[in-house]
Amino acid sequence: MPSRAAFSSMACPSAMSLRLRPRCQNRIVSSSRSHPGLVAILQVGRRDAEGFIYYVMEAADDETTADRISPDTYSPRTLAKEIRRQGHLPVAECLKIGLELTAALEFLHHQQLIHRDI
């Protein structure tokens, strides 16, 4: 397992959690590692009794140290922080980000996966 990892979970109805079978879990993990525009999902699991699924993914770059992650000072680099820092993004950068995002989403759709936060 890489030294850079982040944990997240989401609440969901137990019926939804029960549908997250091992085959689907494996597809999520393998697909995330097959496209440069996706964050690698390292593990997906479920806790039916508590009503949530969880996933462990690679951590995003730190806003000041890039890929050198220190857990004590880690602050992820995000688009919102970049916009606050620069004031706005140049049009060319917006187009580049938009095209990269749509390519990653298209890849997910071809894998019959949907990113529900979009």
PDB file of N, CA and C in Angstrom:
ATOM      1  N   MET A   1       0.850  -1.175   0.000  1.00  0.00           N
ATOM      2  CA  MET A   1       0.000   0.000   0.000  1.00  0.00           C
ATOM      3  C   MET A   1       0.897   1.239   0.000  1.00  0.00           C
ATOM      4  N   PRO A   2       0.565   2.244  -0.797  1.00  0.00           N
ATOM      5  CA  PRO A   2       1.383   3.441  -0.833  1.00  0.00           C
ATOM      6  C   PRO A   2       1.388   4.152   0.514  1.00  0.00           C
ATOM      7  N   SER A   3       2.411   4.972   0.719  1.00  0.00           N
ATOM      8  CA  SER A   3       2.486   5.710   1.972  1.00  0.00           C
ATOM      9  C   SER A   3       1.528   6.882   1.993  1.00  0.00           C
ATOM     10  N   ARG A   4       0.952   7.245   0.841  1.00  0.00           N
ATOM     11  CA  ARG A   4       0.001   8.350   0.747  1.00  0.00           C
ATOM     12  C   ARG A   4      -1.393   7.786   0.577  1.00  0.00           C
ATOM     13  N   ALA A   5      -2.187   7.819   1.631  1.00  0.00           N
ATOM     14  CA  ALA A   5      -3.541   7.291   1.514  1.00  0.00           C
ATOM     15  C   ALA A   5      -4.502   8.154   2.322  1.00  0.00           C
ATOM     16  N   ALA A   6      -5.748   8.175   1.890  1.00  0.00           N
ATOM     17  CA  ALA A   6      -6.809   8.905   2.582  1.00  0.00           C
ATOM     18  C   ALA A   6      -8.002   7.977   2.723  1.00  0.00           C
ATOM     19  N   PHE A   7      -8.764   8.164   3.775  1.00  0.00           N
ATOM     20  CA  PHE A   7      -9.926   7.324   4.056  1.00  0.00           C
ATOM     21  C   PHE A   7     -11.176   8.180   3.931  1.00  0.00           C
ATOM     22  N   SER A   8     -12.217   7.616   3.369  1.00  0.00           N
ATOM     23  CA  SER A   8     -13.486   8.313   3.309  1.00  0.00           C
ATOM     24  C   SER A   8     -14.600   7.290   3.427  1.00  0.00           C
ATOM     25  N   SER A   9     -15.772   7.768   3.824  1.00  0.00           N
ATOM     26  CA  SER A   9     -16.927   6.890   3.893  1.00  0.00           C
ATOM     27  C   SER A   9     -18.155   7.679   3.499  1.00  0.00           C
ATOM     28  N   MET A  10     -19.215   6.965   3.174  1.00  0.00           N
ATOM     29  CA  MET A  10     -20.473   7.629   2.866  1.00  0.00           C
ATOM     30  C   MET A  10     -21.615   6.791   3.424  1.00  0.00           C
ATOM     31  N   ALA A  11     -22.571   7.486   4.005  1.00  0.00           N
ATOM     32  CA  ALA A  11     -23.748   6.804   4.510  1.00  0.00           C
ATOM     33  C   ALA A  11     -24.600   6.378   3.329  1.00  0.00           C
ATOM     34  N   CYS A  12     -25.238   5.251   3.468  1.00  0.00           N
ATOM     35  CA  CYS A  12     -26.120   4.790   2.411  1.00  0.00           C
ATOM     36  C   CYS A  12     -27.126   3.828   3.001  1.00  0.00           C
ATOM     37  N   PRO A  13     -28.279   3.714   2.362  1.00  0.00           N
ATOM     38  CA  PRO A  13     -29.263   2.739   2.836  1.00  0.00           C
ATOM     39  C   PRO A  13     -28.674   1.342   2.780  1.00  0.00           C
ATOM     40  N   SER A  14     -29.049   0.499   3.711  1.00  0.00           N
ATOM     41  CA  SER A  14     -28.466  -0.843   3.766  1.00  0.00           C
ATOM     42  C   SER A  14     -28.708  -1.625   2.486  1.00  0.00           C
ATOM     43  N   ALA A  15     -29.833  -1.408   1.814  1.00  0.00           N
ATOM     44  CA  ALA A  15     -30.093  -2.120   0.562  1.00  0.00           C
ATOM     45  C   ALA A  15     -29.048  -1.747  -0.478  1.00  0.00           C
ATOM     46  N   MET A  16     -28.658  -0.481  -0.522  1.00  0.00           N
ATOM     47  CA  MET A  16     -27.619  -0.057  -1.462  1.00  0.00           C
ATOM     48  C   MET A  16     -26.292  -0.712  -1.100  1.00  0.00           C
ATOM     49  N   SER A  17     -25.955  -0.727   0.188  1.00  0.00           N
ATOM     50  CA  SER A  17     -24.718  -1.320   0.641  1.00  0.00           C
ATOM     51  C   SER A  17     -24.657  -2.808   0.304  1.00  0.00           C
ATOM     52  N   LEU A  18     -25.776  -3.496   0.443  1.00  0.00           N
ATOM     53  CA  LEU A  18     -25.803  -4.926   0.140  1.00  0.00           C
ATOM     54  C   LEU A  18     -25.553  -5.206  -1.337  1.00  0.00           C
ATOM     55  N   ARG A  19     -25.872  -4.243  -2.208  1.00  0.00           N
ATOM     56  CA  ARG A  19     -25.645  -4.437  -3.642  1.00  0.00           C
ATOM     57  C   ARG A  19     -24.181  -4.266  -4.021  1.00  0.00           C
ATOM     58  N   LEU A  20     -23.368  -3.707  -3.136  1.00  0.00           N
ATOM     59  CA  LEU A  20     -21.954  -3.507  -3.442  1.00  0.00           C
ATOM     60  C   LEU A  20     -21.209  -4.822  -3.226  1.00  0.00           C
ATOM     61  N   ARG A  21     -21.306  -5.688  -4.186  1.00  0.00           N
ATOM     62  CA  ARG A  21     -20.732  -7.023  -4.102  1.00  0.00           C
ATOM     63  C   ARG A  21     -19.240  -6.988  -4.444  1.00  0.00           C
ATOM     64  N   PRO A  22     -18.514  -8.047  -4.066  1.00  0.00           N
ATOM     65  CA  PRO A  22     -17.076  -8.079  -4.331  1.00  0.00           C
ATOM     66  C   PRO A  22     -16.697  -7.818  -5.789  1.00  0.00           C
ATOM     67  N   ARG A  23     -17.470  -8.340  -6.748  1.00  0.00           N
ATOM     68  CA  ARG A  23     -17.136  -8.106  -8.168  1.00  0.00           C
ATOM     69  C   ARG A  23     -17.163  -6.609  -8.486  1.00  0.00           C
ATOM     70  N   CYS A  24     -18.178  -5.928  -7.981  1.00  0.00           N
ATOM     71  CA  CYS A  24     -18.296  -4.489  -8.200  1.00  0.00           C
ATOM     72  C   CYS A  24     -17.164  -3.754  -7.482  1.00  0.00           C
ATOM     73  N   GLN A  25     -16.862  -4.167  -6.256  1.00  0.00           N
ATOM     74  CA  GLN A  25     -15.770  -3.546  -5.507  1.00  0.00           C
ATOM     75  C   GLN A  25     -14.463  -3.676  -6.276  1.00  0.00           C
ATOM     76  N   ASN A  26     -14.200  -4.854  -6.810  1.00  0.00           N
ATOM     77  CA  ASN A  26     -12.966  -5.074  -7.579  1.00  0.00           C
ATOM     78  C   ASN A  26     -12.940  -4.219  -8.836  1.00  0.00           C
ATOM     79  N   ARG A  27     -14.085  -4.048  -9.489  1.00  0.00           N
ATOM     80  CA  ARG A  27     -14.147  -3.226 -10.708  1.00  0.00           C
ATOM     81  C   ARG A  27     -13.834  -1.764 -10.391  1.00  0.00           C
ATOM     82  N   ILE A  28     -14.327  -1.270  -9.254  1.00  0.00           N
ATOM     83  CA  ILE A  28     -14.049   0.108  -8.846  1.00  0.00           C
ATOM     84  C   ILE A  28     -12.553   0.292  -8.632  1.00  0.00           C
ATOM     85  N   VAL A  29     -11.942  -0.629  -7.897  1.00  0.00           N
ATOM     86  CA  VAL A  29     -10.510  -0.530  -7.600  1.00  0.00           C
ATOM     87  C   VAL A  29      -9.682  -0.610  -8.878  1.00  0.00           C
ATOM     88  N   SER A  30      -9.942  -1.615  -9.720  1.00  0.00           N
ATOM     89  CA  SER A  30      -9.122  -1.788 -10.932  1.00  0.00           C
ATOM     90  C   SER A  30      -9.336  -0.647 -11.924  1.00  0.00           C
ATOM     91  N   SER A  31     -10.563  -0.145 -12.062  1.00  0.00           N
ATOM     92  CA  SER A  31     -10.822   0.952 -12.994  1.00  0.00           C
ATOM     93  C   SER A  31     -10.110   2.225 -12.559  1.00  0.00           C
ATOM     94  N   SER A  32     -10.082   2.476 -11.252  1.00  0.00           N
ATOM     95  CA  SER A  32      -9.454   3.710 -10.772  1.00  0.00           C
ATOM     96  C   SER A  32      -7.959   3.746 -11.074  1.00  0.00           C
ATOM     97  N   ARG A  33      -7.358   2.589 -11.232  1.00  0.00           N
ATOM     98  CA  ARG A  33      -5.916   2.520 -11.515  1.00  0.00           C
ATOM     99  C   ARG A  33      -5.618   2.455 -13.003  1.00  0.00           C
ATOM    100  N   SER A  34      -6.663   2.530 -13.823  1.00  0.00           N
ATOM    101  CA  SER A  34      -6.486   2.354 -15.264  1.00  0.00           C
ATOM    102  C   SER A  34      -6.607   3.640 -16.061  1.00  0.00           C
ATOM    103  N   HIS A  35      -6.710   4.770 -15.393  1.00  0.00           N
ATOM    104  CA  HIS A  35      -6.830   6.045 -16.110  1.00  0.00           C
ATOM    105  C   HIS A  35      -6.050   7.118 -15.354  1.00  0.00           C
ATOM    106  N   PRO A  36      -5.232   7.902 -16.042  1.00  0.00           N
ATOM    107  CA  PRO A  36      -4.408   8.906 -15.354  1.00  0.00           C
ATOM    108  C   PRO A  36      -5.219  10.034 -14.714  1.00  0.00           C
ATOM    109  N   GLY A  37      -6.465  10.208 -15.105  1.00  0.00           N
ATOM    110  CA  GLY A  37      -7.284  11.275 -14.544  1.00  0.00           C
ATOM    111  C   GLY A  37      -8.053  10.880 -13.299  1.00  0.00           C
ATOM    112  N   LEU A  38      -7.853   9.663 -12.814  1.00  0.00           N
ATOM    113  CA  LEU A  38      -8.579   9.184 -11.638  1.00  0.00           C
ATOM    114  C   LEU A  38      -7.626   8.982 -10.471  1.00  0.00           C
ATOM    115  N   VAL A  39      -8.122   9.240  -9.279  1.00  0.00           N
ATOM    116  CA  VAL A  39      -7.383   8.937  -8.059  1.00  0.00           C
ATOM    117  C   VAL A  39      -7.497   7.436  -7.834  1.00  0.00           C
ATOM    118  N   ALA A  40      -6.411   6.799  -7.494  1.00  0.00           N
ATOM    119  CA  ALA A  40      -6.433   5.350  -7.283  1.00  0.00           C
ATOM    120  C   ALA A  40      -7.216   5.011  -6.021  1.00  0.00           C
ATOM    121  N   ILE A  41      -8.237   4.177  -6.181  1.00  0.00           N
ATOM    122  CA  ILE A  41      -8.983   3.630  -5.050  1.00  0.00           C
ATOM    123  C   ILE A  41      -8.247   2.358  -4.647  1.00  0.00           C
ATOM    124  N   LEU A  42      -7.779   2.317  -3.414  1.00  0.00           N
ATOM    125  CA  LEU A  42      -6.965   1.197  -2.961  1.00  0.00           C
ATOM    126  C   LEU A  42      -7.799   0.069  -2.377  1.00  0.00           C
ATOM    127  N   GLN A  43      -8.919   0.416  -1.749  1.00  0.00           N
ATOM    128  CA  GLN A  43      -9.788  -0.603  -1.160  1.00  0.00           C
ATOM    129  C   GLN A  43     -11.191  -0.037  -1.025  1.00  0.00           C
ATOM    130  N   VAL A  44     -12.193  -0.877  -1.238  1.00  0.00           N
ATOM    131  CA  VAL A  44     -13.594  -0.532  -1.031  1.00  0.00           C
ATOM    132  C   VAL A  44     -14.175  -1.605  -0.117  1.00  0.00           C
ATOM    133  N   GLY A  45     -14.966  -1.175   0.835  1.00  0.00           N
ATOM    134  CA  GLY A  45     -15.595  -2.133   1.733  1.00  0.00           C
ATOM    135  C   GLY A  45     -16.941  -1.620   2.191  1.00  0.00           C
ATOM    136  N   ARG A  46     -17.601  -2.406   2.995  1.00  0.00           N
ATOM    137  CA  ARG A  46     -18.910  -1.985   3.493  1.00  0.00           C
ATOM    138  C   ARG A  46     -19.074  -2.426   4.940  1.00  0.00           C
ATOM    139  N   ARG A  47     -19.835  -1.660   5.664  1.00  0.00           N
ATOM    140  CA  ARG A  47     -20.210  -1.968   7.044  1.00  0.00           C
ATOM    141  C   ARG A  47     -21.724  -1.920   7.095  1.00  0.00           C
ATOM    142  N   ASP A  48     -22.360  -3.031   6.762  1.00  0.00           N
ATOM    143  CA  ASP A  48     -23.816  -3.073   6.655  1.00  0.00           C
ATOM    144  C   ASP A  48     -24.509  -2.734   7.973  1.00  0.00           C
ATOM    145  N   ALA A  49     -23.978  -3.208   9.081  1.00  0.00           N
ATOM    146  CA  ALA A  49     -24.622  -2.952  10.372  1.00  0.00           C
ATOM    147  C   ALA A  49     -24.674  -1.455  10.674  1.00  0.00           C
ATOM    148  N   GLU A  50     -23.626  -0.721  10.265  1.00  0.00           N
ATOM    149  CA  GLU A  50     -23.577   0.718  10.512  1.00  0.00           C
ATOM    150  C   GLU A  50     -24.181   1.523   9.364  1.00  0.00           C
ATOM    151  N   GLY A  51     -24.436   0.877   8.235  1.00  0.00           N
ATOM    152  CA  GLY A  51     -25.095   1.527   7.112  1.00  0.00           C
ATOM    153  C   GLY A  51     -24.198   2.422   6.277  1.00  0.00           C
ATOM    154  N   PHE A  52     -22.943   2.034   6.075  1.00  0.00           N
ATOM    155  CA  PHE A  52     -22.101   2.833   5.198  1.00  0.00           C
ATOM    156  C   PHE A  52     -21.131   1.965   4.414  1.00  0.00           C
ATOM    157  N   ILE A  53     -20.665   2.523   3.300  1.00  0.00           N
ATOM    158  CA  ILE A  53     -19.556   1.928   2.560  1.00  0.00           C
ATOM    159  C   ILE A  53     -18.350   2.834   2.784  1.00  0.00           C
ATOM    160  N   TYR A  54     -17.171   2.281   2.621  1.00  0.00           N
ATOM    161  CA  TYR A  54     -15.964   3.088   2.798  1.00  0.00           C
ATOM    162  C   TYR A  54     -14.995   2.791   1.671  1.00  0.00           C
ATOM    163  N   TYR A  55     -14.080   3.703   1.476  1.00  0.00           N
ATOM    164  CA  TYR A  55     -13.020   3.462   0.527  1.00  0.00           C
ATOM    165  C   TYR A  55     -11.755   4.144   0.999  1.00  0.00           C
ATOM    166  N   VAL A  56     -10.638   3.546   0.630  1.00  0.00           N
ATOM    167  CA  VAL A  56      -9.321   4.101   0.907  1.00  0.00           C
ATOM    168  C   VAL A  56      -8.738   4.456  -0.450  1.00  0.00           C
ATOM    169  N   MET A  57      -8.276   5.688  -0.582  1.00  0.00           N
ATOM    170  CA  MET A  57      -7.746   6.152  -1.868  1.00  0.00           C
ATOM    171  C   MET A  57      -6.405   6.830  -1.656  1.00  0.00           C
ATOM    172  N   GLU A  58      -5.674   6.969  -2.739  1.00  0.00           N
ATOM    173  CA  GLU A  58      -4.410   7.687  -2.632  1.00  0.00           C
ATOM    174  C   GLU A  58      -4.705   9.137  -2.260  1.00  0.00           C
ATOM    175  N   ALA A  59      -3.835   9.722  -1.479  1.00  0.00           N
ATOM    176  CA  ALA A  59      -4.023  11.110  -1.057  1.00  0.00           C
ATOM    177  C   ALA A  59      -3.670  12.056  -2.202  1.00  0.00           C
ATOM    178  N   ALA A  60      -4.377  13.171  -2.250  1.00  0.00           N
ATOM    179  CA  ALA A  60      -4.074  14.208  -3.245  1.00  0.00           C
ATOM    180  C   ALA A  60      -2.756  14.884  -2.869  1.00  0.00           C
ATOM    181  N   ASP A  61      -2.148  15.550  -3.838  1.00  0.00           N
ATOM    182  CA  ASP A  61      -0.919  16.292  -3.552  1.00  0.00           C
ATOM    183  C   ASP A  61      -1.152  17.323  -2.465  1.00  0.00           C
ATOM    184  N   ASP A  62      -0.113  17.581  -1.680  1.00  0.00           N
ATOM    185  CA  ASP A  62      -0.142  18.646  -0.686  1.00  0.00           C
ATOM    186  C   ASP A  62      -0.020  19.985  -1.417  1.00  0.00           C
ATOM    187  N   GLU A  63      -0.713  21.013  -0.926  1.00  0.00           N
ATOM    188  CA  GLU A  63      -0.718  22.295  -1.633  1.00  0.00           C
ATOM    189  C   GLU A  63       0.638  22.985  -1.643  1.00  0.00           C
ATOM    190  N   THR A  64       1.537  22.636  -0.729  1.00  0.00           N
ATOM    191  CA  THR A  64       2.858  23.272  -0.745  1.00  0.00           C
ATOM    192  C   THR A  64       3.998  22.316  -1.059  1.00  0.00           C
ATOM    193  N   THR A  65       3.848  21.039  -0.708  1.00  0.00           N
ATOM    194  CA  THR A  65       4.959  20.101  -0.910  1.00  0.00           C
ATOM    195  C   THR A  65       4.694  19.066  -1.995  1.00  0.00           C
ATOM    196  N   ALA A  66       3.597  19.225  -2.736  1.00  0.00           N
ATOM    197  CA  ALA A  66       3.222  18.320  -3.837  1.00  0.00           C
ATOM    198  C   ALA A  66       3.109  16.885  -3.338  1.00  0.00           C
ATOM    199  N   ASP A  67       3.917  15.979  -3.883  1.00  0.00           N
ATOM    200  CA  ASP A  67       3.758  14.561  -3.529  1.00  0.00           C
ATOM    201  C   ASP A  67       4.537  14.155  -2.277  1.00  0.00           C
ATOM    202  N   ARG A  68       5.195  15.089  -1.628  1.00  0.00           N
ATOM    203  CA  ARG A  68       5.867  14.792  -0.349  1.00  0.00           C
ATOM    204  C   ARG A  68       4.870  15.077   0.774  1.00  0.00           C
ATOM    205  N   ILE A  69       4.215  14.033   1.242  1.00  0.00           N
ATOM    206  CA  ILE A  69       3.134  14.154   2.211  1.00  0.00           C
ATOM    207  C   ILE A  69       3.663  13.964   3.628  1.00  0.00           C
ATOM    208  N   SER A  70       3.348  14.925   4.494  1.00  0.00           N
ATOM    209  CA  SER A  70       3.622  14.807   5.916  1.00  0.00           C
ATOM    210  C   SER A  70       2.269  14.836   6.625  1.00  0.00           C
ATOM    211  N   PRO A  71       1.881  13.750   7.279  1.00  0.00           N
ATOM    212  CA  PRO A  71       0.560  13.703   7.915  1.00  0.00           C
ATOM    213  C   PRO A  71       0.303  14.848   8.910  1.00  0.00           C
ATOM    214  N   ASP A  72       1.348  15.350   9.539  1.00  0.00           N
ATOM    215  CA  ASP A  72       1.174  16.411  10.538  1.00  0.00           C
ATOM    216  C   ASP A  72       0.808  17.754   9.926  1.00  0.00           C
ATOM    217  N   THR A  73       1.229  17.992   8.681  1.00  0.00           N
ATOM    218  CA  THR A  73       0.996  19.304   8.065  1.00  0.00           C
ATOM    219  C   THR A  73       0.208  19.226   6.763  1.00  0.00           C
ATOM    220  N   TYR A  74      -0.305  18.060   6.430  1.00  0.00           N
ATOM    221  CA  TYR A  74      -0.962  17.841   5.138  1.00  0.00           C
ATOM    222  C   TYR A  74      -2.148  18.771   4.924  1.00  0.00           C
ATOM    223  N   SER A  75      -2.146  19.429   3.770  1.00  0.00           N
ATOM    224  CA  SER A  75      -3.264  20.253   3.337  1.00  0.00           C
ATOM    225  C   SER A  75      -3.431  19.995   1.838  1.00  0.00           C
ATOM    226  N   PRO A  76      -4.514  19.315   1.437  1.00  0.00           N
ATOM    227  CA  PRO A  76      -4.639  18.914   0.033  1.00  0.00           C
ATOM    228  C   PRO A  76      -4.724  20.096  -0.919  1.00  0.00           C
ATOM    229  N   ARG A  77      -4.124  19.927  -2.060  1.00  0.00           N
ATOM    230  CA  ARG A  77      -4.242  20.923  -3.130  1.00  0.00           C
ATOM    231  C   ARG A  77      -5.602  20.719  -3.789  1.00  0.00           C
ATOM    232  N   THR A  78      -6.416  21.770  -3.801  1.00  0.00           N
ATOM    233  CA  THR A  78      -7.744  21.679  -4.391  1.00  0.00           C
ATOM    234  C   THR A  78      -7.940  22.812  -5.385  1.00  0.00           C
ATOM    235  N   LEU A  79      -8.916  22.643  -6.249  1.00  0.00           N
ATOM    236  CA  LEU A  79      -9.235  23.678  -7.224  1.00  0.00           C
ATOM    237  C   LEU A  79      -9.683  24.958  -6.518  1.00  0.00           C
ATOM    238  N   ALA A  80     -10.483  24.827  -5.476  1.00  0.00           N
ATOM    239  CA  ALA A  80     -10.953  26.009  -4.737  1.00  0.00           C
ATOM    240  C   ALA A  80      -9.789  26.799  -4.153  1.00  0.00           C
ATOM    241  N   LYS A  81      -8.812  26.109  -3.584  1.00  0.00           N
ATOM    242  CA  LYS A  81      -7.639  26.802  -3.022  1.00  0.00           C
ATOM    243  C   LYS A  81      -6.819  27.474  -4.121  1.00  0.00           C
ATOM    244  N   GLU A  82      -6.715  26.796  -5.263  1.00  0.00           N
ATOM    245  CA  GLU A  82      -5.953  27.364  -6.385  1.00  0.00           C
ATOM    246  C   GLU A  82      -6.625  28.641  -6.902  1.00  0.00           C
ATOM    247  N   ILE A  83      -7.945  28.642  -6.990  1.00  0.00           N
ATOM    248  CA  ILE A  83      -8.671  29.830  -7.447  1.00  0.00           C
ATOM    249  C   ILE A  83      -8.511  30.969  -6.432  1.00  0.00           C
ATOM    250  N   ARG A  84      -8.598  30.646  -5.132  1.00  0.00           N
ATOM    251  CA  ARG A  84      -8.379  31.689  -4.115  1.00  0.00           C
ATOM    252  C   ARG A  84      -6.981  32.266  -4.214  1.00  0.00           C
ATOM    253  N   ARG A  85      -5.998  31.410  -4.464  1.00  0.00           N
ATOM    254  CA  ARG A  85      -4.604  31.856  -4.545  1.00  0.00           C
ATOM    255  C   ARG A  85      -4.369  32.739  -5.766  1.00  0.00           C
ATOM    256  N   GLN A  86      -4.905  32.325  -6.930  1.00  0.00           N
ATOM    257  CA  GLN A  86      -4.664  33.048  -8.175  1.00  0.00           C
ATOM    258  C   GLN A  86      -5.693  34.139  -8.466  1.00  0.00           C
ATOM    259  N   GLY A  87      -6.854  34.052  -7.836  1.00  0.00           N
ATOM    260  CA  GLY A  87      -7.920  34.997  -8.142  1.00  0.00           C
ATOM    261  C   GLY A  87      -8.837  34.467  -9.233  1.00  0.00           C
ATOM    262  N   HIS A  88      -8.283  33.853 -10.234  1.00  0.00           N
ATOM    263  CA  HIS A  88      -9.035  33.190 -11.303  1.00  0.00           C
ATOM    264  C   HIS A  88      -8.057  32.305 -12.070  1.00  0.00           C
ATOM    265  N   LEU A  89      -8.601  31.424 -12.852  1.00  0.00           N
ATOM    266  CA  LEU A  89      -7.750  30.564 -13.676  1.00  0.00           C
ATOM    267  C   LEU A  89      -7.795  31.062 -15.110  1.00  0.00           C
ATOM    268  N   PRO A  90      -6.674  30.998 -15.802  1.00  0.00           N
ATOM    269  CA  PRO A  90      -6.678  31.364 -17.217  1.00  0.00           C
ATOM    270  C   PRO A  90      -7.610  30.439 -18.008  1.00  0.00           C
ATOM    271  N   VAL A  91      -8.158  30.946 -19.084  1.00  0.00           N
ATOM    272  CA  VAL A  91      -9.093  30.179 -19.912  1.00  0.00           C
ATOM    273  C   VAL A  91      -8.467  28.859 -20.362  1.00  0.00           C
ATOM    274  N   ALA A  92      -7.219  28.903 -20.773  1.00  0.00           N
ATOM    275  CA  ALA A  92      -6.552  27.680 -21.238  1.00  0.00           C
ATOM    276  C   ALA A  92      -6.501  26.626 -20.127  1.00  0.00           C
ATOM    277  N   GLU A  93      -6.261  27.049 -18.897  1.00  0.00           N
ATOM    278  CA  GLU A  93      -6.222  26.114 -17.769  1.00  0.00           C
ATOM    279  C   GLU A  93      -7.613  25.543 -17.493  1.00  0.00           C
ATOM    280  N   CYS A  94      -8.645  26.366 -17.585  1.00  0.00           N
ATOM    281  CA  CYS A  94     -10.027  25.895 -17.407  1.00  0.00           C
ATOM    282  C   CYS A  94     -10.378  24.844 -18.448  1.00  0.00           C
ATOM    283  N   LEU A  95      -9.999  25.097 -19.699  1.00  0.00           N
ATOM    284  CA  LEU A  95     -10.270  24.130 -20.761  1.00  0.00           C
ATOM    285  C   LEU A  95      -9.526  22.823 -20.527  1.00  0.00           C
ATOM    286  N   LYS A  96      -8.263  22.926 -20.109  1.00  0.00           N
ATOM    287  CA  LYS A  96      -7.455  21.735 -19.844  1.00  0.00           C
ATOM    288  C   LYS A  96      -8.096  20.903 -18.731  1.00  0.00           C
ATOM    289  N   ILE A  97      -8.481  21.546 -17.638  1.00  0.00           N
ATOM    290  CA  ILE A  97      -9.112  20.834 -16.519  1.00  0.00           C
ATOM    291  C   ILE A  97     -10.435  20.210 -16.964  1.00  0.00           C
ATOM    292  N   GLY A  98     -11.248  20.976 -17.691  1.00  0.00           N
ATOM    293  CA  GLY A  98     -12.540  20.462 -18.158  1.00  0.00           C
ATOM    294  C   GLY A  98     -12.390  19.248 -19.053  1.00  0.00           C
ATOM    295  N   LEU A  99     -11.433  19.290 -19.971  1.00  0.00           N
ATOM    296  CA  LEU A  99     -11.210  18.151 -20.870  1.00  0.00           C
ATOM    297  C   LEU A  99     -10.692  16.931 -20.123  1.00  0.00           C
ATOM    298  N   GLU A 100      -9.808  17.158 -19.137  1.00  0.00           N
ATOM    299  CA  GLU A 100      -9.305  16.036 -18.340  1.00  0.00           C
ATOM    300  C   GLU A 100     -10.430  15.393 -17.526  1.00  0.00           C
ATOM    301  N   LEU A 101     -11.300  16.223 -16.945  1.00  0.00           N
ATOM    302  CA  LEU A 101     -12.423  15.691 -16.167  1.00  0.00           C
ATOM    303  C   LEU A 101     -13.396  14.906 -17.038  1.00  0.00           C
ATOM    304  N   THR A 102     -13.730  15.449 -18.208  1.00  0.00           N
ATOM    305  CA  THR A 102     -14.677  14.738 -19.068  1.00  0.00           C
ATOM    306  C   THR A 102     -14.080  13.442 -19.599  1.00  0.00           C
ATOM    307  N   ALA A 103     -12.786  13.414 -19.847  1.00  0.00           N
ATOM    308  CA  ALA A 103     -12.151  12.169 -20.295  1.00  0.00           C
ATOM    309  C   ALA A 103     -12.200  11.114 -19.195  1.00  0.00           C
ATOM    310  N   ALA A 104     -11.964  11.526 -17.947  1.00  0.00           N
ATOM    311  CA  ALA A 104     -12.024  10.578 -16.832  1.00  0.00           C
ATOM    312  C   ALA A 104     -13.449  10.065 -16.628  1.00  0.00           C
ATOM    313  N   LEU A 105     -14.438  10.961 -16.722  1.00  0.00           N
ATOM    314  CA  LEU A 105     -15.836  10.537 -16.575  1.00  0.00           C
ATOM    315  C   LEU A 105     -16.262   9.617 -17.707  1.00  0.00           C
ATOM    316  N   GLU A 106     -15.813   9.913 -18.923  1.00  0.00           N
ATOM    317  CA  GLU A 106     -16.130   9.035 -20.052  1.00  0.00           C
ATOM    318  C   GLU A 106     -15.560   7.640 -19.814  1.00  0.00           C
ATOM    319  N   PHE A 107     -14.333   7.572 -19.311  1.00  0.00           N
ATOM    320  CA  PHE A 107     -13.716   6.289 -19.002  1.00  0.00           C
ATOM    321  C   PHE A 107     -14.554   5.518 -17.973  1.00  0.00           C
ATOM    322  N   LEU A 108     -14.975   6.206 -16.907  1.00  0.00           N
ATOM    323  CA  LEU A 108     -15.809   5.548 -15.899  1.00  0.00           C
ATOM    324  C   LEU A 108     -17.095   5.000 -16.501  1.00  0.00           C
ATOM    325  N   HIS A 109     -17.730   5.791 -17.351  1.00  0.00           N
ATOM    326  CA  HIS A 109     -18.987   5.353 -17.976  1.00  0.00           C
ATOM    327  C   HIS A 109     -18.773   4.126 -18.856  1.00  0.00           C
ATOM    328  N   HIS A 110     -17.628   4.065 -19.531  1.00  0.00           N
ATOM    329  CA  HIS A 110     -17.325   2.876 -20.341  1.00  0.00           C
ATOM    330  C   HIS A 110     -17.111   1.642 -19.463  1.00  0.00           C
ATOM    331  N   GLN A 111     -16.746   1.874 -18.193  1.00  0.00           N
ATOM    332  CA  GLN A 111     -16.583   0.775 -17.240  1.00  0.00           C
ATOM    333  C   GLN A 111     -17.904   0.461 -16.530  1.00  0.00           C
ATOM    334  N   GLN A 112     -18.978   1.137 -16.946  1.00  0.00           N
ATOM    335  CA  GLN A 112     -20.306   1.016 -16.337  1.00  0.00           C
ATOM    336  C   GLN A 112     -20.302   1.450 -14.871  1.00  0.00           C
ATOM    337  N   LEU A 113     -19.521   2.512 -14.595  1.00  0.00           N
ATOM    338  CA  LEU A 113     -19.451   3.117 -13.267  1.00  0.00           C
ATOM    339  C   LEU A 113     -19.900   4.574 -13.393  1.00  0.00           C
ATOM    340  N   ILE A 114     -20.482   5.081 -12.342  1.00  0.00           N
ATOM    341  CA  ILE A 114     -20.968   6.464 -12.337  1.00  0.00           C
ATOM    342  C   ILE A 114     -20.394   7.174 -11.119  1.00  0.00           C
ATOM    343  N   HIS A 115     -19.847   8.358 -11.314  1.00  0.00           N
ATOM    344  CA  HIS A 115     -19.375   9.191 -10.215  1.00  0.00           C
ATOM    345  C   HIS A 115     -20.571   9.998  -9.734  1.00  0.00           C
ATOM    346  N   ARG A 116     -21.088   9.685  -8.582  1.00  0.00           N
ATOM    347  CA  ARG A 116     -22.351  10.273  -8.131  1.00  0.00           C
ATOM    348  C   ARG A 116     -22.211  11.702  -7.610  1.00  0.00           C
ATOM    349  N   ASP A 117     -21.012  12.221  -7.451  1.00  0.00           N
ATOM    350  CA  ASP A 117     -20.827  13.593  -6.947  1.00  0.00           C
ATOM    351  C   ASP A 117     -20.775  14.616  -8.063  1.00  0.00           C
ATOM    352  N   ILE A 118     -20.920  14.205  -9.293  1.00  0.00           N
ATOM    353  CA  ILE A 118     -20.843  15.140 -10.426  1.00  0.00           C
ATOM    354  C   ILE A 118     -22.247  15.556 -10.807  1.00  0.00           C
TER     355      ILE A 118
END
